[in-house]
């Protein structure tokens, strides 16, 4: 009886130690990591809504965003809501590796008016490249690597807040540059 109790306690102790070790290894990593070409972590982005080819390149508007790429292909993003929305949901989506340092993503946001009614849905398909080295577009921040995303496609569905019908659908283009959030050592 005593031997069996000690075996159970030892087994439980071992299981607890392995669980804590796993939490330390998984939970206390740098916020973003790119070694080996991975993009898991949180990134600060500068997004540009641009004219689509073959039109002459023009930046329509810019805003900041924050994206979190999670292991297994889940993506969460936040950015500025466009008019007539006054708020929007976090963007939820998916991502996958398409090459050694290239990735594809899809994300969807819901936009709401002052009454909380749905007024729009934004869907973005992105194509990012992980680039080793400092981004020349951000001279005030030294980065070991960054994401450059060009040729993104946007689909904006405007919705009547009263009856929920689709008013119109607009296709567009965007690009973004993102830097990782890292611990300063």
N, C-alpha and C. Protein backbone atom coordinates (compact mmCIF):
# COMPACT_ATOMS: atom_id res chain seq x y z
N UNK A 1 0.82 -1.19 0.00
CA UNK A 1 0.00 0.00 0.00
C UNK A 1 0.87 1.25 0.00
N UNK A 2 1.91 1.28 0.87
CA UNK A 2 2.79 2.44 0.90
C UNK A 2 3.58 2.57 -0.39
N UNK A 3 4.02 1.48 -0.96
CA UNK A 3 4.77 1.52 -2.21
C UNK A 3 3.90 2.06 -3.34
N UNK A 4 2.68 1.62 -3.39
CA UNK A 4 1.77 2.08 -4.44
C UNK A 4 1.49 3.58 -4.30
N UNK A 5 1.33 4.10 -3.08
CA UNK A 5 1.10 5.51 -2.83
C UNK A 5 2.31 6.33 -3.27
N UNK A 6 3.52 5.87 -2.93
CA UNK A 6 4.73 6.59 -3.34
C UNK A 6 4.88 6.58 -4.86
N UNK A 7 4.52 5.51 -5.51
CA UNK A 7 4.59 5.44 -6.97
C UNK A 7 3.64 6.45 -7.59
N UNK A 8 2.44 6.55 -7.04
CA UNK A 8 1.47 7.53 -7.55
C UNK A 8 1.97 8.95 -7.33
N UNK A 9 2.51 9.23 -6.14
CA UNK A 9 3.02 10.58 -5.87
C UNK A 9 4.19 10.88 -6.78
N UNK A 10 5.10 9.94 -6.96
CA UNK A 10 6.25 10.16 -7.85
C UNK A 10 5.78 10.38 -9.28
N UNK A 11 4.83 9.60 -9.72
CA UNK A 11 4.30 9.78 -11.08
C UNK A 11 3.63 11.12 -11.24
N UNK A 12 2.87 11.55 -10.25
CA UNK A 12 2.22 12.85 -10.30
C UNK A 12 3.25 13.97 -10.27
N UNK A 13 4.29 13.82 -9.46
CA UNK A 13 5.35 14.82 -9.39
C UNK A 13 6.06 14.94 -10.73
N UNK A 14 6.38 13.81 -11.33
CA UNK A 14 7.04 13.80 -12.64
C UNK A 14 6.15 14.47 -13.69
N UNK A 15 4.87 14.14 -13.70
CA UNK A 15 3.94 14.74 -14.67
C UNK A 15 3.86 16.25 -14.46
N UNK A 16 3.83 16.70 -13.21
CA UNK A 16 3.79 18.14 -12.92
C UNK A 16 5.05 18.83 -13.39
N UNK A 17 6.21 18.22 -13.14
CA UNK A 17 7.47 18.82 -13.57
C UNK A 17 7.55 18.92 -15.08
N UNK A 18 7.11 17.88 -15.79
CA UNK A 18 7.12 17.92 -17.25
C UNK A 18 6.17 18.99 -17.77
N UNK A 19 5.02 19.14 -17.15
CA UNK A 19 4.07 20.18 -17.56
C UNK A 19 4.68 21.56 -17.36
N UNK A 20 5.29 21.80 -16.19
CA UNK A 20 5.92 23.10 -15.93
C UNK A 20 7.07 23.36 -16.88
N UNK A 21 7.86 22.35 -17.18
CA UNK A 21 8.96 22.50 -18.13
C UNK A 21 8.41 22.87 -19.50
N UNK A 22 7.34 22.23 -19.92
CA UNK A 22 6.71 22.56 -21.20
C UNK A 22 6.20 23.97 -21.23
N UNK A 23 5.59 24.44 -20.14
CA UNK A 23 5.10 25.81 -20.08
C UNK A 23 6.25 26.81 -20.17
N UNK A 24 7.36 26.51 -19.50
CA UNK A 24 8.51 27.41 -19.56
C UNK A 24 9.05 27.46 -20.98
N UNK A 25 9.20 26.32 -21.61
CA UNK A 25 9.74 26.28 -22.97
C UNK A 25 8.80 26.96 -23.95
N UNK A 26 7.50 26.69 -23.86
CA UNK A 26 6.55 27.25 -24.81
C UNK A 26 6.11 28.67 -24.46
N UNK A 27 6.04 29.00 -23.21
CA UNK A 27 5.46 30.27 -22.80
C UNK A 27 6.43 31.42 -22.68
N UNK A 28 7.70 31.18 -22.55
CA UNK A 28 8.64 32.26 -22.34
C UNK A 28 9.64 32.34 -23.48
N UNK A 29 9.12 32.47 -24.69
CA UNK A 29 9.95 32.64 -25.86
C UNK A 29 9.91 34.10 -26.27
N UNK A 30 10.80 34.53 -27.16
CA UNK A 30 10.68 35.88 -27.69
C UNK A 30 9.32 36.08 -28.33
N UNK A 31 8.82 37.32 -28.34
CA UNK A 31 7.49 37.60 -28.84
C UNK A 31 7.31 37.24 -30.31
N UNK A 32 8.33 37.39 -31.11
CA UNK A 32 8.27 36.98 -32.51
C UNK A 32 9.59 36.30 -32.83
N UNK A 33 9.57 35.32 -33.69
CA UNK A 33 10.81 34.65 -34.03
C UNK A 33 10.83 34.35 -35.52
N UNK A 34 11.97 34.51 -36.12
CA UNK A 34 12.08 34.25 -37.54
C UNK A 34 13.20 33.28 -37.84
N UNK A 35 13.91 32.80 -36.82
CA UNK A 35 14.97 31.84 -37.10
C UNK A 35 14.35 30.62 -37.77
N UNK A 36 15.00 30.17 -38.81
CA UNK A 36 14.46 29.05 -39.57
C UNK A 36 13.33 29.46 -40.49
N UNK A 37 13.09 30.76 -40.63
CA UNK A 37 12.07 31.24 -41.56
C UNK A 37 10.67 31.25 -41.00
N UNK A 38 10.48 31.12 -39.68
CA UNK A 38 9.15 31.14 -39.09
C UNK A 38 8.68 32.57 -38.84
N UNK A 39 7.38 32.76 -38.76
CA UNK A 39 6.84 34.10 -38.49
C UNK A 39 5.95 34.12 -37.24
N UNK A 40 5.97 33.06 -36.45
CA UNK A 40 5.13 33.04 -35.26
C UNK A 40 5.51 34.20 -34.36
N UNK A 41 4.50 34.90 -33.86
CA UNK A 41 4.73 36.02 -32.96
C UNK A 41 3.89 37.21 -33.37
N UNK A 42 4.17 38.36 -32.75
CA UNK A 42 3.42 39.58 -32.98
C UNK A 42 4.26 40.57 -33.77
N UNK A 43 3.62 41.21 -34.75
CA UNK A 43 4.29 42.13 -35.67
C UNK A 43 3.52 43.44 -35.73
N UNK A 44 4.25 44.57 -35.77
CA UNK A 44 3.66 45.89 -35.97
C UNK A 44 3.76 46.22 -37.45
N UNK A 45 2.65 46.64 -38.05
CA UNK A 45 2.65 46.85 -39.49
C UNK A 45 2.26 48.25 -39.89
N UNK A 46 2.78 48.67 -41.03
CA UNK A 46 2.37 49.89 -41.71
C UNK A 46 1.68 49.45 -42.99
N UNK A 47 0.36 49.68 -43.07
CA UNK A 47 -0.45 49.22 -44.20
C UNK A 47 -0.73 50.39 -45.13
N UNK A 48 -0.63 50.12 -46.43
CA UNK A 48 -0.98 51.12 -47.45
C UNK A 48 -2.07 50.53 -48.33
N UNK A 49 -3.17 51.25 -48.46
CA UNK A 49 -4.19 50.90 -49.45
C UNK A 49 -3.74 51.59 -50.74
N UNK A 50 -3.56 50.81 -51.80
CA UNK A 50 -3.00 51.34 -53.04
C UNK A 50 -3.90 51.02 -54.23
N UNK A 51 -3.67 51.72 -55.34
CA UNK A 51 -4.39 51.41 -56.57
C UNK A 51 -3.90 50.07 -57.10
N UNK A 52 -4.79 49.35 -57.75
CA UNK A 52 -4.46 48.04 -58.31
C UNK A 52 -3.91 48.19 -59.72
N UNK A 53 -2.97 47.32 -60.09
CA UNK A 53 -2.49 47.33 -61.47
C UNK A 53 -3.65 47.00 -62.41
N UNK A 54 -3.68 47.52 -63.61
CA UNK A 54 -2.61 48.23 -64.30
C UNK A 54 -2.63 49.74 -64.07
N UNK A 55 -3.46 50.23 -63.15
CA UNK A 55 -3.50 51.67 -62.88
C UNK A 55 -2.15 52.16 -62.37
N UNK A 56 -1.88 53.43 -62.58
CA UNK A 56 -0.66 54.05 -62.09
C UNK A 56 -0.64 53.93 -60.56
N UNK A 57 0.51 53.52 -59.99
CA UNK A 57 0.63 53.30 -58.54
C UNK A 57 0.33 54.58 -57.77
N UNK A 58 -0.59 54.47 -56.82
CA UNK A 58 -0.93 55.61 -55.96
C UNK A 58 -1.33 55.07 -54.59
N UNK A 59 -0.85 55.72 -53.53
CA UNK A 59 -1.24 55.36 -52.17
C UNK A 59 -2.51 56.13 -51.83
N UNK A 60 -3.57 55.39 -51.50
CA UNK A 60 -4.86 56.01 -51.20
C UNK A 60 -4.92 56.42 -49.74
N UNK A 61 -4.52 55.53 -48.85
CA UNK A 61 -4.48 55.84 -47.41
C UNK A 61 -3.50 54.90 -46.73
N UNK A 62 -3.08 55.27 -45.53
CA UNK A 62 -2.19 54.43 -44.74
C UNK A 62 -2.72 54.33 -43.31
N UNK A 63 -2.38 53.25 -42.62
CA UNK A 63 -2.73 53.10 -41.22
C UNK A 63 -1.83 52.03 -40.61
N UNK A 64 -1.81 51.98 -39.29
CA UNK A 64 -1.00 50.98 -38.58
C UNK A 64 -1.85 49.76 -38.26
N UNK A 65 -1.19 48.63 -38.14
CA UNK A 65 -1.87 47.39 -37.76
C UNK A 65 -0.97 46.60 -36.82
N UNK A 66 -1.53 45.58 -36.22
CA UNK A 66 -0.77 44.66 -35.38
C UNK A 66 -1.30 43.26 -35.68
N UNK A 67 -0.38 42.36 -36.04
CA UNK A 67 -0.76 40.99 -36.41
C UNK A 67 -0.07 40.00 -35.49
N UNK A 68 -0.79 38.94 -35.14
CA UNK A 68 -0.20 37.85 -34.37
C UNK A 68 -0.38 36.56 -35.15
N UNK A 69 0.75 35.98 -35.57
CA UNK A 69 0.77 34.71 -36.28
C UNK A 69 1.02 33.61 -35.25
N UNK A 70 0.06 32.71 -35.11
CA UNK A 70 0.17 31.64 -34.13
C UNK A 70 0.56 30.33 -34.80
N UNK A 71 1.27 29.52 -34.05
CA UNK A 71 1.65 28.20 -34.54
C UNK A 71 0.41 27.44 -34.98
N UNK A 72 0.51 26.76 -36.10
CA UNK A 72 -0.61 25.98 -36.59
C UNK A 72 -1.43 26.71 -37.64
N UNK A 73 -1.12 27.99 -37.92
CA UNK A 73 -1.79 28.68 -39.01
C UNK A 73 -2.93 29.60 -38.65
N UNK A 74 -3.07 30.00 -37.39
CA UNK A 74 -4.12 30.94 -37.00
C UNK A 74 -3.53 32.35 -36.96
N UNK A 75 -4.33 33.33 -37.36
CA UNK A 75 -3.88 34.72 -37.46
C UNK A 75 -4.92 35.64 -36.84
N UNK A 76 -4.45 36.60 -36.04
CA UNK A 76 -5.31 37.64 -35.47
C UNK A 76 -4.68 38.97 -35.83
N UNK A 77 -5.52 39.94 -36.27
CA UNK A 77 -4.99 41.23 -36.68
C UNK A 77 -5.93 42.35 -36.26
N UNK A 78 -5.36 43.51 -36.00
CA UNK A 78 -6.14 44.69 -35.69
C UNK A 78 -5.57 45.88 -36.44
N UNK A 79 -6.44 46.79 -36.85
CA UNK A 79 -6.03 48.00 -37.55
C UNK A 79 -7.11 49.05 -37.41
N UNK A 80 -7.01 50.11 -38.18
CA UNK A 80 -7.96 51.22 -38.09
C UNK A 80 -9.23 50.91 -38.86
N UNK A 81 -10.42 51.24 -38.30
CA UNK A 81 -11.66 51.02 -39.05
C UNK A 81 -11.89 52.14 -40.06
N UNK A 82 -12.31 51.81 -41.28
CA UNK A 82 -12.61 52.86 -42.25
C UNK A 82 -14.01 53.41 -42.06
N UNK A 83 -14.28 54.63 -42.51
CA UNK A 83 -15.65 55.16 -42.45
C UNK A 83 -16.56 54.30 -43.32
N UNK A 84 -17.83 54.12 -43.05
CA UNK A 84 -18.59 54.77 -41.99
C UNK A 84 -18.54 54.01 -40.67
N UNK A 85 -17.68 53.02 -40.57
CA UNK A 85 -17.59 52.25 -39.34
C UNK A 85 -16.96 53.09 -38.24
N UNK A 86 -17.38 52.87 -37.01
CA UNK A 86 -16.72 53.52 -35.88
C UNK A 86 -15.95 52.51 -35.05
N UNK A 87 -16.23 51.23 -35.29
CA UNK A 87 -15.46 50.19 -34.60
C UNK A 87 -15.44 48.94 -35.49
N UNK A 88 -14.55 48.04 -35.15
CA UNK A 88 -14.51 46.79 -35.89
C UNK A 88 -14.00 45.69 -35.00
N UNK A 89 -14.30 44.48 -35.44
CA UNK A 89 -13.84 43.31 -34.71
C UNK A 89 -12.36 43.14 -34.97
N UNK A 90 -11.74 42.34 -34.14
CA UNK A 90 -10.38 41.91 -34.48
C UNK A 90 -10.50 41.09 -35.76
N UNK A 91 -9.47 41.18 -36.59
CA UNK A 91 -9.47 40.35 -37.78
C UNK A 91 -9.05 38.94 -37.41
N UNK A 92 -9.76 37.98 -37.90
CA UNK A 92 -9.44 36.57 -37.66
C UNK A 92 -9.15 35.92 -38.99
N UNK A 93 -8.14 35.05 -38.99
CA UNK A 93 -7.82 34.42 -40.25
C UNK A 93 -6.85 33.26 -40.12
N UNK A 94 -6.26 32.93 -41.25
CA UNK A 94 -5.35 31.80 -41.36
C UNK A 94 -4.11 32.21 -42.14
N UNK A 95 -3.02 31.46 -41.94
CA UNK A 95 -1.81 31.69 -42.72
C UNK A 95 -1.15 30.35 -42.98
N UNK A 96 -0.33 30.32 -44.04
CA UNK A 96 0.42 29.11 -44.35
C UNK A 96 1.72 29.50 -45.06
N UNK A 97 2.70 28.63 -44.93
CA UNK A 97 3.97 28.81 -45.62
C UNK A 97 3.77 28.38 -47.07
N UNK A 98 4.28 29.19 -48.02
CA UNK A 98 4.19 28.83 -49.43
C UNK A 98 5.57 28.60 -50.04
N UNK A 99 6.63 28.88 -49.27
CA UNK A 99 8.00 28.68 -49.73
C UNK A 99 8.94 28.83 -48.55
N UNK A 100 10.24 28.86 -48.80
CA UNK A 100 11.22 28.97 -47.73
C UNK A 100 11.02 30.19 -46.85
N UNK A 101 10.73 31.33 -47.47
CA UNK A 101 10.53 32.58 -46.72
C UNK A 101 9.30 33.33 -47.21
N UNK A 102 8.33 32.61 -47.76
CA UNK A 102 7.11 33.25 -48.26
C UNK A 102 5.89 32.63 -47.59
N UNK A 103 4.86 33.47 -47.44
CA UNK A 103 3.66 33.06 -46.71
C UNK A 103 2.43 33.65 -47.39
N UNK A 104 1.31 32.96 -47.22
CA UNK A 104 0.02 33.44 -47.71
C UNK A 104 -0.90 33.54 -46.50
N UNK A 105 -1.77 34.56 -46.51
CA UNK A 105 -2.70 34.71 -45.38
C UNK A 105 -4.07 35.15 -45.90
N UNK A 106 -5.08 34.87 -45.10
CA UNK A 106 -6.44 35.35 -45.36
C UNK A 106 -7.00 35.81 -44.02
N UNK A 107 -7.58 37.01 -44.02
CA UNK A 107 -8.11 37.56 -42.78
C UNK A 107 -9.43 38.28 -43.04
N UNK A 108 -10.31 38.28 -42.05
CA UNK A 108 -11.63 38.90 -42.20
C UNK A 108 -11.93 39.75 -40.97
N UNK A 109 -12.46 40.98 -41.24
CA UNK A 109 -12.89 41.92 -40.20
C UNK A 109 -14.37 42.21 -40.38
N UNK A 110 -15.07 42.51 -39.28
CA UNK A 110 -16.45 42.99 -39.33
C UNK A 110 -16.45 44.43 -38.82
N UNK A 111 -17.13 45.34 -39.54
CA UNK A 111 -17.19 46.75 -39.18
C UNK A 111 -18.61 47.09 -38.70
N UNK A 112 -18.69 47.95 -37.68
CA UNK A 112 -19.96 48.28 -37.05
C UNK A 112 -20.15 49.79 -36.98
N UNK A 113 -21.42 50.25 -37.04
CA UNK A 113 -21.71 51.68 -36.88
C UNK A 113 -21.94 52.01 -35.41
N UNK A 114 -22.36 53.24 -35.13
CA UNK A 114 -22.56 53.69 -33.75
C UNK A 114 -23.63 52.90 -33.01
N UNK A 115 -24.59 52.33 -33.74
CA UNK A 115 -25.66 51.53 -33.12
C UNK A 115 -25.26 50.09 -32.90
N UNK A 116 -24.05 49.71 -33.36
CA UNK A 116 -23.59 48.34 -33.23
C UNK A 116 -24.03 47.45 -34.37
N UNK A 117 -24.64 48.04 -35.40
CA UNK A 117 -25.09 47.26 -36.55
C UNK A 117 -23.92 46.99 -37.49
N UNK A 118 -23.92 45.82 -38.09
CA UNK A 118 -22.90 45.45 -39.07
C UNK A 118 -23.06 46.31 -40.31
N UNK A 119 -21.99 47.03 -40.71
CA UNK A 119 -22.04 47.88 -41.90
C UNK A 119 -21.04 47.45 -42.96
N UNK A 120 -20.15 46.52 -42.62
CA UNK A 120 -19.18 46.10 -43.62
C UNK A 120 -18.38 44.88 -43.20
N UNK A 121 -17.88 44.19 -44.22
CA UNK A 121 -17.00 43.05 -44.03
C UNK A 121 -15.79 43.29 -44.92
N UNK A 122 -14.61 43.20 -44.34
CA UNK A 122 -13.37 43.36 -45.10
C UNK A 122 -12.64 42.03 -45.08
N UNK A 123 -12.23 41.56 -46.27
CA UNK A 123 -11.47 40.33 -46.41
C UNK A 123 -10.18 40.67 -47.16
N UNK A 124 -9.05 40.23 -46.62
CA UNK A 124 -7.75 40.52 -47.22
C UNK A 124 -6.99 39.22 -47.42
N UNK A 125 -6.50 39.03 -48.63
CA UNK A 125 -5.60 37.91 -48.93
C UNK A 125 -4.22 38.50 -49.11
N UNK A 126 -3.27 38.07 -48.29
CA UNK A 126 -1.92 38.64 -48.30
C UNK A 126 -0.87 37.67 -48.77
N UNK A 127 0.24 38.24 -49.24
CA UNK A 127 1.38 37.47 -49.72
C UNK A 127 2.63 38.11 -49.14
N UNK A 128 3.20 37.52 -48.09
CA UNK A 128 4.33 38.12 -47.37
C UNK A 128 5.64 37.40 -47.66
N UNK A 129 6.71 38.19 -47.62
CA UNK A 129 8.07 37.66 -47.75
C UNK A 129 8.83 38.04 -46.48
N UNK A 130 9.47 37.07 -45.85
CA UNK A 130 10.30 37.32 -44.67
C UNK A 130 11.68 37.71 -45.18
N UNK A 131 12.12 38.90 -44.81
CA UNK A 131 13.39 39.43 -45.31
C UNK A 131 14.35 39.60 -44.14
N UNK A 132 15.54 39.00 -44.27
CA UNK A 132 16.56 39.11 -43.23
C UNK A 132 17.25 40.46 -43.39
N UNK A 133 17.46 41.15 -42.27
CA UNK A 133 18.13 42.45 -42.29
C UNK A 133 17.18 43.57 -41.93
N UNK A 134 17.72 44.76 -41.88
CA UNK A 134 16.99 45.94 -41.45
C UNK A 134 16.15 46.51 -42.60
N UNK A 135 14.94 46.96 -42.29
CA UNK A 135 14.06 47.56 -43.28
C UNK A 135 14.48 49.02 -43.48
N UNK A 136 14.85 49.38 -44.68
CA UNK A 136 15.31 50.74 -44.98
C UNK A 136 14.19 51.77 -44.85
N UNK A 137 12.93 51.32 -44.89
CA UNK A 137 11.79 52.23 -44.76
C UNK A 137 11.55 52.66 -43.31
N UNK A 138 12.20 52.01 -42.35
CA UNK A 138 12.03 52.37 -40.93
C UNK A 138 13.41 52.64 -40.32
N UNK A 139 14.03 53.77 -40.66
CA UNK A 139 15.39 54.04 -40.18
C UNK A 139 15.48 54.28 -38.67
N UNK A 140 14.35 54.57 -38.02
CA UNK A 140 14.37 54.82 -36.58
C UNK A 140 14.37 53.54 -35.75
N UNK A 141 14.14 52.38 -36.39
CA UNK A 141 14.09 51.10 -35.69
C UNK A 141 15.07 50.13 -36.36
N UNK A 142 15.92 49.50 -35.56
CA UNK A 142 16.83 48.49 -36.11
C UNK A 142 16.15 47.13 -35.97
N UNK A 143 16.00 46.42 -37.09
CA UNK A 143 15.30 45.15 -37.10
C UNK A 143 16.22 44.05 -37.64
N UNK A 144 16.19 42.87 -37.03
CA UNK A 144 16.98 41.77 -37.57
C UNK A 144 16.33 41.14 -38.81
N UNK A 145 15.01 41.36 -38.97
CA UNK A 145 14.23 40.84 -40.08
C UNK A 145 12.90 41.55 -40.10
N UNK A 146 12.21 41.50 -41.25
CA UNK A 146 10.90 42.12 -41.36
C UNK A 146 10.07 41.40 -42.42
N UNK A 147 8.77 41.69 -42.44
CA UNK A 147 7.86 41.12 -43.44
C UNK A 147 7.50 42.20 -44.45
N UNK A 148 7.60 41.86 -45.73
CA UNK A 148 7.17 42.75 -46.79
C UNK A 148 6.04 42.04 -47.54
N UNK A 149 4.92 42.71 -47.64
CA UNK A 149 3.73 42.11 -48.23
C UNK A 149 3.20 43.01 -49.34
N UNK A 150 3.37 42.60 -50.58
CA UNK A 150 2.90 43.37 -51.72
C UNK A 150 1.97 42.50 -52.55
N UNK A 151 1.10 43.14 -53.31
CA UNK A 151 0.17 42.38 -54.14
C UNK A 151 -0.98 41.77 -53.37
N UNK A 152 -1.31 42.35 -52.22
CA UNK A 152 -2.44 41.85 -51.43
C UNK A 152 -3.75 42.27 -52.11
N UNK A 153 -4.77 41.43 -52.00
CA UNK A 153 -6.08 41.78 -52.54
C UNK A 153 -7.07 41.98 -51.40
N UNK A 154 -7.92 42.98 -51.57
CA UNK A 154 -8.91 43.34 -50.56
C UNK A 154 -10.31 43.24 -51.17
N UNK A 155 -11.25 42.80 -50.37
CA UNK A 155 -12.65 42.75 -50.80
C UNK A 155 -13.46 43.38 -49.68
N UNK A 156 -14.15 44.48 -49.99
CA UNK A 156 -14.94 45.20 -49.00
C UNK A 156 -16.42 45.07 -49.38
N UNK A 157 -17.20 44.49 -48.48
CA UNK A 157 -18.63 44.33 -48.69
C UNK A 157 -19.34 45.32 -47.78
N UNK A 158 -20.02 46.30 -48.38
CA UNK A 158 -20.79 47.28 -47.60
C UNK A 158 -22.20 46.76 -47.41
N UNK A 159 -22.69 46.84 -46.17
CA UNK A 159 -23.96 46.22 -45.80
C UNK A 159 -24.91 47.28 -45.25
N UNK A 160 -26.18 47.19 -45.65
CA UNK A 160 -27.21 48.09 -45.13
C UNK A 160 -27.45 47.71 -43.67
N UNK A 161 -27.23 48.64 -42.72
CA UNK A 161 -27.37 48.29 -41.30
C UNK A 161 -28.81 48.02 -40.88
N UNK A 162 -29.77 48.44 -41.68
CA UNK A 162 -31.18 48.25 -41.32
C UNK A 162 -31.67 46.85 -41.66
N UNK A 163 -31.45 46.42 -42.91
CA UNK A 163 -31.99 45.12 -43.31
C UNK A 163 -30.93 44.06 -43.59
N UNK A 164 -29.63 44.42 -43.51
CA UNK A 164 -28.56 43.44 -43.68
C UNK A 164 -28.25 43.05 -45.12
N UNK A 165 -28.86 43.75 -46.09
CA UNK A 165 -28.58 43.42 -47.48
C UNK A 165 -27.25 44.03 -47.92
N UNK A 166 -26.66 43.44 -48.94
CA UNK A 166 -25.41 43.94 -49.48
C UNK A 166 -25.69 45.16 -50.35
N UNK A 167 -25.01 46.27 -50.03
CA UNK A 167 -25.15 47.50 -50.82
C UNK A 167 -24.24 47.41 -52.05
N UNK A 168 -22.98 47.11 -51.82
CA UNK A 168 -22.03 46.94 -52.92
C UNK A 168 -20.79 46.20 -52.42
N UNK A 169 -19.99 45.75 -53.38
CA UNK A 169 -18.74 45.05 -53.09
C UNK A 169 -17.64 45.75 -53.87
N UNK A 170 -16.56 46.10 -53.19
CA UNK A 170 -15.44 46.79 -53.82
C UNK A 170 -14.19 45.93 -53.69
N UNK A 171 -13.49 45.77 -54.79
CA UNK A 171 -12.22 45.04 -54.79
C UNK A 171 -11.10 46.06 -54.75
N UNK A 172 -10.01 45.75 -54.07
CA UNK A 172 -8.89 46.68 -53.98
C UNK A 172 -7.58 45.98 -53.74
N UNK A 173 -6.53 46.77 -53.54
CA UNK A 173 -5.18 46.24 -53.34
C UNK A 173 -4.53 46.93 -52.15
N UNK A 174 -3.57 46.25 -51.57
CA UNK A 174 -2.83 46.83 -50.44
C UNK A 174 -1.44 46.23 -50.38
N UNK A 175 -0.61 46.87 -49.56
CA UNK A 175 0.72 46.35 -49.26
C UNK A 175 1.04 46.73 -47.83
N UNK A 176 1.98 46.02 -47.23
CA UNK A 176 2.32 46.28 -45.83
C UNK A 176 3.78 45.91 -45.58
N UNK A 177 4.33 46.59 -44.60
CA UNK A 177 5.65 46.24 -44.08
C UNK A 177 5.50 46.09 -42.58
N UNK A 178 5.98 44.97 -42.03
CA UNK A 178 5.80 44.70 -40.60
C UNK A 178 7.12 44.38 -39.94
N UNK A 179 7.25 44.83 -38.71
CA UNK A 179 8.45 44.51 -37.93
C UNK A 179 8.04 43.70 -36.70
N UNK A 180 8.90 42.80 -36.27
CA UNK A 180 8.55 41.96 -35.11
C UNK A 180 8.64 42.74 -33.81
N UNK A 181 7.81 42.35 -32.87
CA UNK A 181 7.95 42.86 -31.50
C UNK A 181 8.89 41.89 -30.79
N UNK A 182 10.02 42.40 -30.35
CA UNK A 182 11.06 41.57 -29.72
C UNK A 182 11.41 42.14 -28.35
N UNK A 183 11.89 41.28 -27.48
CA UNK A 183 12.42 41.75 -26.20
C UNK A 183 13.75 42.45 -26.47
N UNK A 184 13.96 43.58 -25.80
CA UNK A 184 15.24 44.25 -25.91
C UNK A 184 16.19 43.61 -24.91
N UNK A 185 17.32 43.12 -25.41
CA UNK A 185 18.29 42.48 -24.53
C UNK A 185 19.42 43.41 -24.20
